[in-house]
Amino acid sequence: MRKAAPLGLSKLVVSTVTSGDTGLVIGECDITLMYSVVDISGTNRLLREVLGDAAGAMIGMASTYQHRLAKRRTQTAQDKQREKKKTRVGITMFSVTTPFVDRVRCHLKDNYSVEVYVFYATGHGGKAMERLVEEGRLDAILDITTTEICDLITGGTMSC
């Protein structure tokens, strides 16, 4: 499911299991979780309200996505050229590396034509960054925060 729709087209999961370790569901994607409150076995007034809210949320997210696509189609050639000129740089960050990453980000933005994407290194942040690299949506990465790699090697809780 996570790769069935592109990043930027939001997905929504209504479930009784929306707390705890949701990493297996969300992974590196833009998935929104909504707690169903009651089990999804048969219908009742509360479940219909929750599912109605979920449908409304999806309508809003799909409408925003459609608007964004329409805007891209009407961009001028000059706008597209300006966007293409910016180098897209991914940077990994964790709380202890935030001050350094902030300085690097500011330096890059102040001195180069870049668009910076900061990924919080919690296991899924690195996966998201790797996915954007695979999709050709990042031109360069600065893997400043190696928490995920260290956790993978040592059996930590935030491994990739």
N, C-alpha and C. Protein backbone atom coordinates (compact mmCIF):
# COMPACT_ATOMS: atom_id res chain seq x y z
N MET A 1 0.82 -1.19 0.00
CA MET A 1 0.00 0.00 0.00
C MET A 1 0.86 1.25 0.00
N ARG A 2 1.99 1.21 0.72
CA ARG A 2 2.80 2.42 0.87
C ARG A 2 3.34 2.94 -0.46
N LYS A 3 3.61 2.06 -1.39
CA LYS A 3 4.16 2.52 -2.67
C LYS A 3 3.10 2.56 -3.77
N ALA A 4 1.85 2.27 -3.43
CA ALA A 4 0.79 2.27 -4.43
C ALA A 4 0.46 3.67 -4.92
N ALA A 5 0.64 4.66 -4.09
CA ALA A 5 0.37 6.05 -4.47
C ALA A 5 1.61 6.87 -4.18
N PRO A 6 1.85 7.89 -4.99
CA PRO A 6 3.08 8.68 -4.82
C PRO A 6 3.08 9.50 -3.53
N LEU A 7 4.28 9.85 -3.07
CA LEU A 7 4.37 10.79 -1.96
C LEU A 7 3.75 12.10 -2.41
N GLY A 8 3.02 12.72 -1.53
CA GLY A 8 2.31 13.95 -1.90
C GLY A 8 0.82 13.69 -2.07
N LEU A 9 0.45 12.47 -2.44
CA LEU A 9 -0.96 12.08 -2.48
C LEU A 9 -1.22 11.37 -1.17
N SER A 10 -1.85 12.07 -0.24
CA SER A 10 -2.02 11.53 1.11
C SER A 10 -2.88 10.28 1.12
N LYS A 11 -2.60 9.43 2.08
CA LYS A 11 -3.36 8.22 2.29
C LYS A 11 -3.92 8.27 3.70
N LEU A 12 -5.02 7.57 3.92
CA LEU A 12 -5.67 7.57 5.23
C LEU A 12 -6.03 6.15 5.61
N VAL A 13 -5.71 5.78 6.85
CA VAL A 13 -6.06 4.48 7.38
C VAL A 13 -6.94 4.71 8.60
N VAL A 14 -8.13 4.12 8.60
CA VAL A 14 -9.00 4.14 9.77
C VAL A 14 -8.87 2.77 10.41
N SER A 15 -8.50 2.75 11.70
CA SER A 15 -8.20 1.48 12.34
C SER A 15 -8.36 1.59 13.85
N THR A 16 -8.52 0.44 14.48
CA THR A 16 -8.53 0.40 15.94
C THR A 16 -7.10 0.35 16.48
N VAL A 17 -6.15 0.15 15.60
CA VAL A 17 -4.75 0.02 16.01
C VAL A 17 -3.97 1.22 15.48
N THR A 18 -4.15 2.37 16.11
CA THR A 18 -3.45 3.57 15.65
C THR A 18 -2.51 4.13 16.71
N SER A 19 -2.28 3.37 17.75
CA SER A 19 -1.32 3.81 18.76
C SER A 19 -0.24 2.75 18.87
N GLY A 20 0.77 3.05 19.64
CA GLY A 20 1.88 2.12 19.76
C GLY A 20 2.82 2.26 18.58
N ASP A 21 3.50 1.20 18.22
CA ASP A 21 4.45 1.23 17.12
C ASP A 21 3.70 1.16 15.80
N THR A 22 3.51 2.30 15.18
CA THR A 22 2.78 2.36 13.91
C THR A 22 3.73 2.37 12.72
N GLY A 23 5.01 2.18 12.98
CA GLY A 23 6.00 2.22 11.92
C GLY A 23 5.75 1.22 10.80
N LEU A 24 5.23 0.06 11.14
CA LEU A 24 4.97 -0.94 10.10
C LEU A 24 3.89 -0.48 9.15
N VAL A 25 2.96 0.34 9.64
CA VAL A 25 1.88 0.85 8.79
C VAL A 25 2.35 2.05 7.99
N ILE A 26 2.97 3.00 8.66
CA ILE A 26 3.32 4.26 8.02
C ILE A 26 4.61 4.17 7.23
N GLY A 27 5.63 3.56 7.81
CA GLY A 27 6.91 3.48 7.13
C GLY A 27 7.41 4.85 6.78
N GLU A 28 7.78 5.04 5.51
CA GLU A 28 8.34 6.30 5.06
C GLU A 28 7.31 7.14 4.30
N CYS A 29 6.04 6.86 4.47
CA CYS A 29 5.00 7.49 3.65
C CYS A 29 4.18 8.54 4.39
N ASP A 30 3.44 9.28 3.60
CA ASP A 30 2.54 10.31 4.12
C ASP A 30 1.16 9.69 4.35
N ILE A 31 1.10 8.84 5.36
CA ILE A 31 -0.15 8.17 5.72
C ILE A 31 -0.68 8.79 7.00
N THR A 32 -1.95 9.13 6.98
CA THR A 32 -2.62 9.67 8.16
C THR A 32 -3.38 8.53 8.83
N LEU A 33 -3.24 8.41 10.14
CA LEU A 33 -3.97 7.39 10.89
C LEU A 33 -5.13 8.04 11.64
N MET A 34 -6.28 7.39 11.59
CA MET A 34 -7.44 7.87 12.33
C MET A 34 -7.98 6.70 13.17
N TYR A 35 -8.11 6.94 14.44
CA TYR A 35 -8.62 5.91 15.34
C TYR A 35 -10.12 5.75 15.14
N SER A 36 -10.58 4.53 14.97
CA SER A 36 -12.00 4.29 14.70
C SER A 36 -12.86 4.34 15.95
N VAL A 37 -12.30 4.41 17.11
CA VAL A 37 -12.97 4.43 18.43
C VAL A 37 -13.62 3.09 18.73
N VAL A 38 -14.47 2.61 17.84
CA VAL A 38 -15.09 1.29 18.03
C VAL A 38 -14.58 0.37 16.93
N ASP A 39 -14.71 -0.93 17.16
CA ASP A 39 -14.23 -1.88 16.18
C ASP A 39 -15.03 -1.78 14.89
N ILE A 40 -14.38 -2.07 13.80
CA ILE A 40 -15.04 -1.99 12.50
C ILE A 40 -15.61 -3.38 12.19
N SER A 41 -16.65 -3.74 12.92
CA SER A 41 -17.36 -5.00 12.67
C SER A 41 -18.83 -4.68 12.84
N GLY A 42 -19.46 -4.40 11.74
CA GLY A 42 -20.83 -3.91 11.78
C GLY A 42 -20.81 -2.40 11.91
N THR A 43 -21.95 -1.78 11.72
CA THR A 43 -21.99 -0.32 11.79
C THR A 43 -22.83 0.14 12.97
N ASN A 44 -22.54 1.33 13.40
CA ASN A 44 -23.34 2.00 14.42
C ASN A 44 -23.15 3.50 14.20
N ARG A 45 -23.87 4.29 14.95
CA ARG A 45 -23.85 5.74 14.74
C ARG A 45 -22.43 6.31 14.87
N LEU A 46 -21.71 5.90 15.90
CA LEU A 46 -20.37 6.44 16.12
C LEU A 46 -19.43 6.07 14.98
N LEU A 47 -19.46 4.82 14.55
CA LEU A 47 -18.59 4.39 13.46
C LEU A 47 -18.94 5.14 12.17
N ARG A 48 -20.23 5.34 11.90
CA ARG A 48 -20.62 6.10 10.70
C ARG A 48 -20.08 7.53 10.77
N GLU A 49 -20.10 8.14 11.97
CA GLU A 49 -19.56 9.49 12.12
C GLU A 49 -18.05 9.51 11.86
N VAL A 50 -17.35 8.54 12.43
CA VAL A 50 -15.90 8.47 12.24
C VAL A 50 -15.57 8.26 10.76
N LEU A 51 -16.27 7.32 10.12
CA LEU A 51 -16.01 7.06 8.70
C LEU A 51 -16.40 8.26 7.83
N GLY A 52 -17.45 8.97 8.23
CA GLY A 52 -17.82 10.20 7.52
C GLY A 52 -16.73 11.25 7.64
N ASP A 53 -16.17 11.38 8.84
CA ASP A 53 -15.05 12.32 9.03
C ASP A 53 -13.84 11.89 8.19
N ALA A 54 -13.60 10.59 8.14
CA ALA A 54 -12.48 10.08 7.34
C ALA A 54 -12.71 10.40 5.86
N ALA A 55 -13.93 10.21 5.39
CA ALA A 55 -14.24 10.53 3.99
C ALA A 55 -14.04 12.02 3.73
N GLY A 56 -14.48 12.85 4.67
CA GLY A 56 -14.28 14.30 4.52
C GLY A 56 -12.81 14.66 4.48
N ALA A 57 -12.02 14.02 5.32
CA ALA A 57 -10.58 14.28 5.33
C ALA A 57 -9.95 13.88 4.00
N MET A 58 -10.36 12.73 3.47
CA MET A 58 -9.82 12.28 2.18
C MET A 58 -10.24 13.20 1.05
N ILE A 59 -11.48 13.67 1.08
CA ILE A 59 -11.93 14.62 0.06
C ILE A 59 -11.06 15.87 0.10
N GLY A 60 -10.81 16.37 1.29
CA GLY A 60 -9.97 17.56 1.44
C GLY A 60 -8.55 17.32 0.94
N MET A 61 -7.97 16.18 1.32
CA MET A 61 -6.59 15.88 0.90
C MET A 61 -6.51 15.64 -0.60
N ALA A 62 -7.49 14.93 -1.17
CA ALA A 62 -7.49 14.68 -2.62
C ALA A 62 -7.71 15.97 -3.39
N SER A 63 -8.56 16.83 -2.88
CA SER A 63 -8.80 18.12 -3.52
C SER A 63 -7.54 18.98 -3.54
N THR A 64 -6.84 19.00 -2.43
CA THR A 64 -5.59 19.76 -2.35
C THR A 64 -4.55 19.19 -3.31
N TYR A 65 -4.47 17.87 -3.41
CA TYR A 65 -3.53 17.22 -4.33
C TYR A 65 -3.87 17.58 -5.77
N GLN A 66 -5.16 17.52 -6.11
CA GLN A 66 -5.61 17.84 -7.47
C GLN A 66 -5.30 19.30 -7.79
N HIS A 67 -5.50 20.19 -6.84
CA HIS A 67 -5.20 21.62 -7.04
C HIS A 67 -3.70 21.81 -7.29
N ARG A 68 -2.88 21.09 -6.54
CA ARG A 68 -1.43 21.19 -6.70
C ARG A 68 -1.00 20.70 -8.10
N LEU A 69 -1.62 19.60 -8.58
CA LEU A 69 -1.30 19.10 -9.91
C LEU A 69 -1.72 20.10 -10.99
N ALA A 70 -2.90 20.69 -10.83
CA ALA A 70 -3.38 21.68 -11.80
C ALA A 70 -2.44 22.89 -11.83
N LYS A 71 -1.98 23.29 -10.66
CA LYS A 71 -1.06 24.43 -10.59
C LYS A 71 0.25 24.12 -11.31
N ARG A 72 0.74 22.89 -11.15
CA ARG A 72 1.97 22.49 -11.85
C ARG A 72 1.80 22.53 -13.36
N ARG A 73 0.61 22.13 -13.84
CA ARG A 73 0.36 22.13 -15.28
C ARG A 73 0.35 23.53 -15.86
N THR A 74 -0.06 24.51 -15.05
CA THR A 74 -0.16 25.88 -15.55
C THR A 74 1.08 26.72 -15.26
N GLN A 75 2.09 26.13 -14.67
CA GLN A 75 3.33 26.86 -14.41
C GLN A 75 3.95 27.31 -15.72
N THR A 76 4.52 28.47 -15.70
CA THR A 76 5.21 28.96 -16.90
C THR A 76 6.53 28.22 -17.06
N ALA A 77 7.06 28.26 -18.24
CA ALA A 77 8.35 27.62 -18.51
C ALA A 77 9.43 28.23 -17.62
N GLN A 78 9.32 29.54 -17.37
CA GLN A 78 10.31 30.22 -16.52
C GLN A 78 10.24 29.69 -15.09
N ASP A 79 9.01 29.49 -14.58
CA ASP A 79 8.85 28.94 -13.23
C ASP A 79 9.45 27.54 -13.14
N LYS A 80 9.19 26.72 -14.16
CA LYS A 80 9.72 25.36 -14.17
C LYS A 80 11.24 25.36 -14.23
N GLN A 81 11.80 26.27 -15.02
CA GLN A 81 13.25 26.36 -15.13
C GLN A 81 13.87 26.77 -13.80
N ARG A 82 13.23 27.73 -13.11
CA ARG A 82 13.72 28.19 -11.82
C ARG A 82 13.70 27.05 -10.81
N GLU A 83 12.63 26.25 -10.83
CA GLU A 83 12.53 25.10 -9.92
C GLU A 83 13.62 24.07 -10.22
N LYS A 84 13.85 23.80 -11.49
CA LYS A 84 14.85 22.80 -11.88
C LYS A 84 16.25 23.21 -11.48
N LYS A 85 16.52 24.49 -11.46
CA LYS A 85 17.87 24.97 -11.14
C LYS A 85 18.24 24.73 -9.69
N LYS A 86 17.26 24.64 -8.81
CA LYS A 86 17.56 24.42 -7.40
C LYS A 86 17.97 22.97 -7.17
N THR A 87 19.10 22.81 -6.53
CA THR A 87 19.56 21.48 -6.15
C THR A 87 18.80 21.06 -4.90
N ARG A 88 18.23 19.87 -4.94
CA ARG A 88 17.45 19.36 -3.81
C ARG A 88 18.36 18.51 -2.93
N VAL A 89 18.56 18.96 -1.69
CA VAL A 89 19.51 18.33 -0.77
C VAL A 89 18.76 17.76 0.43
N GLY A 90 18.96 16.47 0.70
CA GLY A 90 18.40 15.82 1.88
C GLY A 90 19.44 15.77 2.98
N ILE A 91 19.02 16.07 4.21
CA ILE A 91 19.93 16.05 5.37
C ILE A 91 19.26 15.28 6.50
N THR A 92 20.00 14.37 7.14
CA THR A 92 19.46 13.67 8.30
C THR A 92 19.74 14.47 9.57
N MET A 93 18.79 14.42 10.51
CA MET A 93 18.92 15.20 11.74
C MET A 93 18.31 14.42 12.90
N PHE A 94 18.83 14.66 14.08
CA PHE A 94 18.30 14.13 15.34
C PHE A 94 18.52 15.23 16.35
N SER A 95 17.87 15.17 17.47
CA SER A 95 17.93 16.30 18.42
C SER A 95 19.35 16.77 18.73
N VAL A 96 20.28 15.85 18.91
CA VAL A 96 21.64 16.27 19.26
C VAL A 96 22.40 16.89 18.09
N THR A 97 21.95 16.64 16.86
CA THR A 97 22.62 17.24 15.70
C THR A 97 21.87 18.44 15.15
N THR A 98 20.75 18.80 15.75
CA THR A 98 19.93 19.91 15.25
C THR A 98 20.70 21.21 15.10
N PRO A 99 21.47 21.66 16.10
CA PRO A 99 22.19 22.93 15.91
C PRO A 99 23.12 22.92 14.70
N PHE A 100 23.83 21.83 14.51
CA PHE A 100 24.74 21.73 13.37
C PHE A 100 23.97 21.69 12.05
N VAL A 101 22.92 20.87 12.01
CA VAL A 101 22.12 20.76 10.79
C VAL A 101 21.49 22.11 10.45
N ASP A 102 21.03 22.84 11.46
CA ASP A 102 20.47 24.17 11.21
C ASP A 102 21.50 25.10 10.58
N ARG A 103 22.73 25.05 11.06
CA ARG A 103 23.79 25.89 10.49
C ARG A 103 24.09 25.48 9.04
N VAL A 104 24.16 24.18 8.80
CA VAL A 104 24.42 23.69 7.44
C VAL A 104 23.28 24.12 6.52
N ARG A 105 22.05 23.93 6.97
CA ARG A 105 20.88 24.29 6.16
C ARG A 105 20.90 25.78 5.81
N CYS A 106 21.13 26.62 6.80
CA CYS A 106 21.18 28.07 6.56
C CYS A 106 22.32 28.43 5.62
N HIS A 107 23.48 27.81 5.81
CA HIS A 107 24.63 28.09 4.93
C HIS A 107 24.30 27.71 3.49
N LEU A 108 23.71 26.56 3.30
CA LEU A 108 23.36 26.13 1.94
C LEU A 108 22.36 27.08 1.30
N LYS A 109 21.31 27.42 2.06
CA LYS A 109 20.26 28.29 1.50
C LYS A 109 20.78 29.70 1.22
N ASP A 110 21.68 30.19 2.07
CA ASP A 110 22.21 31.55 1.90
C ASP A 110 23.23 31.65 0.78
N ASN A 111 23.90 30.56 0.45
CA ASN A 111 25.02 30.63 -0.49
C ASN A 111 24.83 29.87 -1.80
N TYR A 112 23.79 29.06 -1.88
CA TYR A 112 23.60 28.23 -3.07
C TYR A 112 22.12 28.21 -3.44
N SER A 113 21.86 27.82 -4.66
CA SER A 113 20.48 27.68 -5.12
C SER A 113 20.02 26.26 -4.77
N VAL A 114 19.56 26.09 -3.54
CA VAL A 114 19.17 24.76 -3.06
C VAL A 114 17.80 24.80 -2.40
N GLU A 115 17.20 23.64 -2.37
CA GLU A 115 16.00 23.41 -1.58
C GLU A 115 16.37 22.28 -0.63
N VAL A 116 16.29 22.53 0.67
CA VAL A 116 16.76 21.58 1.67
C VAL A 116 15.58 20.80 2.26
N TYR A 117 15.75 19.50 2.34
CA TYR A 117 14.77 18.60 2.96
C TYR A 117 15.45 17.98 4.18
N VAL A 118 14.93 18.23 5.37
CA VAL A 118 15.53 17.68 6.59
C VAL A 118 14.70 16.46 7.01
N PHE A 119 15.37 15.35 7.25
CA PHE A 119 14.72 14.11 7.65
C PHE A 119 15.14 13.75 9.07
N TYR A 120 14.17 13.59 9.94
CA TYR A 120 14.45 13.22 11.32
C TYR A 120 14.83 11.75 11.36
N ALA A 121 15.99 11.43 11.86
CA ALA A 121 16.57 10.08 11.80
C ALA A 121 15.98 9.16 12.86
N THR A 122 14.76 8.73 12.64
CA THR A 122 14.07 7.85 13.58
C THR A 122 13.86 6.45 13.01
N GLY A 123 14.55 6.13 11.95
CA GLY A 123 14.33 4.85 11.28
C GLY A 123 13.53 5.07 10.01
N HIS A 124 12.44 5.79 10.12
CA HIS A 124 11.60 6.04 8.95
C HIS A 124 12.05 7.28 8.19
N GLY A 125 12.70 8.21 8.87
CA GLY A 125 13.21 9.40 8.20
C GLY A 125 14.24 9.04 7.14
N GLY A 126 15.15 8.15 7.50
CA GLY A 126 16.15 7.69 6.55
C GLY A 126 15.53 6.94 5.38
N LYS A 127 14.51 6.13 5.68
CA LYS A 127 13.82 5.40 4.61
C LYS A 127 13.13 6.37 3.65
N ALA A 128 12.53 7.41 4.22
CA ALA A 128 11.87 8.41 3.37
C ALA A 128 12.88 9.11 2.48
N MET A 129 14.03 9.45 3.05
CA MET A 129 15.08 10.10 2.27
C MET A 129 15.55 9.17 1.14
N GLU A 130 15.76 7.90 1.46
CA GLU A 130 16.20 6.94 0.45
C GLU A 130 15.15 6.78 -0.65
N ARG A 131 13.89 6.80 -0.27
CA ARG A 131 12.83 6.68 -1.27
C ARG A 131 12.86 7.87 -2.23
N LEU A 132 13.05 9.08 -1.69
CA LEU A 132 13.11 10.25 -2.55
C LEU A 132 14.33 10.20 -3.47
N VAL A 133 15.44 9.65 -2.99
CA VAL A 133 16.61 9.47 -3.85
C VAL A 133 16.27 8.50 -4.98
N GLU A 134 15.65 7.36 -4.64
CA GLU A 134 15.28 6.36 -5.64
C GLU A 134 14.33 6.95 -6.68
N GLU A 135 13.43 7.84 -6.26
CA GLU A 135 12.45 8.44 -7.16
C GLU A 135 13.03 9.63 -7.93
N GLY A 136 14.30 9.95 -7.69
CA GLY A 136 14.92 11.07 -8.39
C GLY A 136 14.47 12.43 -7.88
N ARG A 137 13.97 12.48 -6.66
CA ARG A 137 13.46 13.73 -6.11
C ARG A 137 14.46 14.43 -5.19
N LEU A 138 15.63 13.83 -5.00
CA LEU A 138 16.74 14.48 -4.29
C LEU A 138 17.98 14.37 -5.17
N ASP A 139 18.76 15.44 -5.19
CA ASP A 139 19.98 15.46 -6.00
C ASP A 139 21.22 15.13 -5.18
N ALA A 140 21.17 15.38 -3.88
CA ALA A 140 22.32 15.14 -3.01
C ALA A 140 21.82 14.89 -1.60
N ILE A 141 22.64 14.19 -0.81
CA ILE A 141 22.30 13.99 0.61
C ILE A 141 23.51 14.28 1.47
N LEU A 142 23.23 14.72 2.68
CA LEU A 142 24.24 14.87 3.73
C LEU A 142 23.76 14.02 4.89
N ASP A 143 24.32 12.83 5.04
CA ASP A 143 23.90 11.93 6.12
C ASP A 143 24.69 12.30 7.37
N ILE A 144 24.30 13.41 7.97
CA ILE A 144 25.00 13.96 9.14
C ILE A 144 24.71 13.15 10.39
N THR A 145 23.51 12.63 10.49
CA THR A 145 23.08 11.92 11.69
C THR A 145 23.02 10.43 11.38
N THR A 146 23.91 9.66 11.96
CA THR A 146 24.01 8.24 11.63
C THR A 146 23.32 7.34 12.67
N THR A 147 22.37 7.91 13.40
CA THR A 147 21.66 7.17 14.44
C THR A 147 21.06 5.88 13.91
N GLU A 148 20.42 5.94 12.75
CA GLU A 148 19.74 4.77 12.22
C GLU A 148 20.73 3.65 11.90
N ILE A 149 21.87 4.01 11.34
CA ILE A 149 22.89 3.00 11.03
C ILE A 149 23.44 2.39 12.32
N CYS A 150 23.75 3.24 13.30
CA CYS A 150 24.26 2.74 14.59
C CYS A 150 23.25 1.83 15.26
N ASP A 151 21.97 2.22 15.23
CA ASP A 151 20.94 1.39 15.84
C ASP A 151 20.78 0.06 15.10
N LEU A 152 20.93 0.08 13.79
CA LEU A 152 20.85 -1.16 13.02
C LEU A 152 21.97 -2.12 13.43
N ILE A 153 23.18 -1.58 13.58
CA ILE A 153 24.34 -2.40 13.93
C ILE A 153 24.25 -2.92 15.36
N THR A 154 23.77 -2.07 16.28
CA THR A 154 23.77 -2.43 17.70
C THR A 154 22.43 -2.91 18.22
N GLY A 155 21.42 -3.01 17.33
CA GLY A 155 20.11 -3.49 17.76
C GLY A 155 19.30 -2.44 18.49
N GLY A 156 19.51 -1.19 18.16
CA GLY A 156 18.76 -0.10 18.79
C GLY A 156 17.32 -0.03 18.31
N THR A 157 16.60 0.95 18.82
CA THR A 157 15.16 1.05 18.54
C THR A 157 14.82 1.91 17.33
N MET A 158 15.79 2.62 16.77
CA MET A 158 15.48 3.50 15.64
C MET A 158 16.32 3.15 14.42
N SER A 159 16.40 1.86 14.14
CA SER A 159 17.22 1.44 13.00
C SER A 159 16.43 1.56 11.71
N CYS A 160 17.18 1.61 10.64
CA CYS A 160 16.56 1.67 9.32
C CYS A 160 16.36 0.27 8.84
